[in-house]
């Protein structure tokens, strides 16, 4: 099922929980905030939004569920 992972990067606090549960899709960047691997970066008024289309959910829902600031979302396309 096609899905889109959305990361509202401006909300990220750099806790690394997404990287811990889903290292295939997440990495800590040089600025100590999470980055969604292979994503498209879009500037929005609040900051940077990262999006990535995927075919399977993998551990992405767990990453979204564990995020303490609710900045990761998994949406059906």
C-alpha atoms as a PDB file:
ATOM      1  CA  UNK A   1       0.000   0.000   0.000  1.00  0.00           C
ATOM      2  CA  UNK A   2       1.584   3.341  -1.004  1.00  0.00           C
ATOM      3  CA  UNK A   3       2.286   5.635   1.935  1.00  0.00           C
ATOM      4  CA  UNK A   4       3.890   8.989   2.558  1.00  0.00           C
ATOM      5  CA  UNK A   5       6.089   9.644   5.577  1.00  0.00           C
ATOM      6  CA  UNK A   6       6.007  13.281   6.648  1.00  0.00           C
ATOM      7  CA  UNK A   7       8.548  14.805   9.022  1.00  0.00           C
ATOM      8  CA  UNK A   8       7.838  18.263  10.392  1.00  0.00           C
ATOM      9  CA  UNK A   9      11.525  18.868  11.047  1.00  0.00           C
ATOM     10  CA  UNK A  10      11.038  22.235  12.770  1.00  0.00           C
ATOM     11  CA  UNK A  11       9.353  20.398  15.656  1.00  0.00           C
ATOM     12  CA  UNK A  12      12.188  17.869  16.101  1.00  0.00           C
ATOM     13  CA  UNK A  13      14.019  18.008  19.439  1.00  0.00           C
ATOM     14  CA  UNK A  14      16.792  15.605  18.411  1.00  0.00           C
ATOM     15  CA  UNK A  15      15.956  12.835  20.876  1.00  0.00           C
ATOM     16  CA  UNK A  16      16.861  10.125  18.333  1.00  0.00           C
ATOM     17  CA  UNK A  17      13.955   7.807  19.081  1.00  0.00           C
ATOM     18  CA  UNK A  18      13.065   7.520  15.376  1.00  0.00           C
ATOM     19  CA  UNK A  19      16.656   6.534  14.540  1.00  0.00           C
ATOM     20  CA  UNK A  20      16.643   3.954  17.338  1.00  0.00           C
ATOM     21  CA  UNK A  21      13.502   2.171  16.081  1.00  0.00           C
ATOM     22  CA  UNK A  22      13.902   2.736  12.309  1.00  0.00           C
ATOM     23  CA  UNK A  23      17.575   3.234  11.336  1.00  0.00           C
ATOM     24  CA  UNK A  24      16.821   2.162   7.755  1.00  0.00           C
ATOM     25  CA  UNK A  25      14.820   5.374   7.211  1.00  0.00           C
ATOM     26  CA  UNK A  26      16.168   7.823   9.803  1.00  0.00           C
ATOM     27  CA  UNK A  27      19.559   9.333  10.610  1.00  0.00           C
ATOM     28  CA  UNK A  28      20.794  12.037  12.963  1.00  0.00           C
ATOM     29  CA  UNK A  29      22.061  14.980  10.911  1.00  0.00           C
ATOM     30  CA  UNK A  30      25.104  17.141  11.646  1.00  0.00           C
ATOM     31  CA  UNK A  31      22.859  19.667  13.424  1.00  0.00           C
ATOM     32  CA  UNK A  32      21.757  16.921  15.887  1.00  0.00           C
ATOM     33  CA  UNK A  33      18.201  16.707  14.555  1.00  0.00           C
ATOM     34  CA  UNK A  34      16.660  13.750  12.744  1.00  0.00           C
ATOM     35  CA  UNK A  35      16.570  13.490   8.963  1.00  0.00           C
ATOM     36  CA  UNK A  36      14.335  11.227   6.931  1.00  0.00           C
ATOM     37  CA  UNK A  37      16.616   9.408   4.507  1.00  0.00           C
ATOM     38  CA  UNK A  38      15.918   9.750   0.766  1.00  0.00           C
ATOM     39  CA  UNK A  39      13.317  12.441   1.397  1.00  0.00           C
ATOM     40  CA  UNK A  40      12.253  15.581  -0.401  1.00  0.00           C
ATOM     41  CA  UNK A  41      12.846  18.764   1.609  1.00  0.00           C
ATOM     42  CA  UNK A  42      10.280  21.542   1.266  1.00  0.00           C
ATOM     43  CA  UNK A  43      10.536  24.939   2.916  1.00  0.00           C
ATOM     44  CA  UNK A  44       7.305  25.965   4.632  1.00  0.00           C
ATOM     45  CA  UNK A  45       6.697  29.031   6.835  1.00  0.00           C
ATOM     46  CA  UNK A  46       7.424  26.997   9.990  1.00  0.00           C
ATOM     47  CA  UNK A  47      10.678  25.448   8.711  1.00  0.00           C
ATOM     48  CA  UNK A  48      11.523  22.340   6.696  1.00  0.00           C
ATOM     49  CA  UNK A  49       9.088  19.548   5.860  1.00  0.00           C
ATOM     50  CA  UNK A  50      10.570  16.244   4.698  1.00  0.00           C
ATOM     51  CA  UNK A  51       8.457  13.758   2.757  1.00  0.00           C
ATOM     52  CA  UNK A  52       9.165  10.308   1.408  1.00  0.00           C
ATOM     53  CA  UNK A  53       6.872   7.959  -0.488  1.00  0.00           C
ATOM     54  CA  UNK A  54       7.211   4.283   0.448  1.00  0.00           C
ATOM     55  CA  UNK A  55       5.481   1.054  -0.503  1.00  0.00           C
ATOM     56  CA  UNK A  56       5.492  -0.537   2.946  1.00  0.00           C
ATOM     57  CA  UNK A  57       5.168   0.908   6.413  1.00  0.00           C
ATOM     58  CA  UNK A  58       8.195  -0.936   7.812  1.00  0.00           C
ATOM     59  CA  UNK A  59       9.004   0.563  11.207  1.00  0.00           C
ATOM     60  CA  UNK A  60       7.768   4.027  10.221  1.00  0.00           C
ATOM     61  CA  UNK A  61       4.566   3.841  12.272  1.00  0.00           C
ATOM     62  CA  UNK A  62       6.580   2.842  15.339  1.00  0.00           C
ATOM     63  CA  UNK A  63       8.884   5.833  14.744  1.00  0.00           C
ATOM     64  CA  UNK A  64       5.832   8.100  14.535  1.00  0.00           C
ATOM     65  CA  UNK A  65       4.245   6.566  17.636  1.00  0.00           C
ATOM     66  CA  UNK A  66       7.401   6.889  19.754  1.00  0.00           C
ATOM     67  CA  UNK A  67       8.194  10.491  18.751  1.00  0.00           C
ATOM     68  CA  UNK A  68       7.682  12.622  21.872  1.00  0.00           C
ATOM     69  CA  UNK A  69       6.798  15.771  19.896  1.00  0.00           C
ATOM     70  CA  UNK A  70       4.541  14.145  17.269  1.00  0.00           C
ATOM     71  CA  UNK A  71       6.480  15.485  14.273  1.00  0.00           C
ATOM     72  CA  UNK A  72       6.377  12.240  12.227  1.00  0.00           C
ATOM     73  CA  UNK A  73       3.234  11.233  10.359  1.00  0.00           C
ATOM     74  CA  UNK A  74       2.454   8.238   8.138  1.00  0.00           C
ATOM     75  CA  UNK A  75      -0.341   8.886   5.645  1.00  0.00           C
ATOM     76  CA  UNK A  76      -2.002   6.702   3.019  1.00  0.00           C
ATOM     77  CA  UNK A  77      -1.563   8.063  -0.477  1.00  0.00           C
END
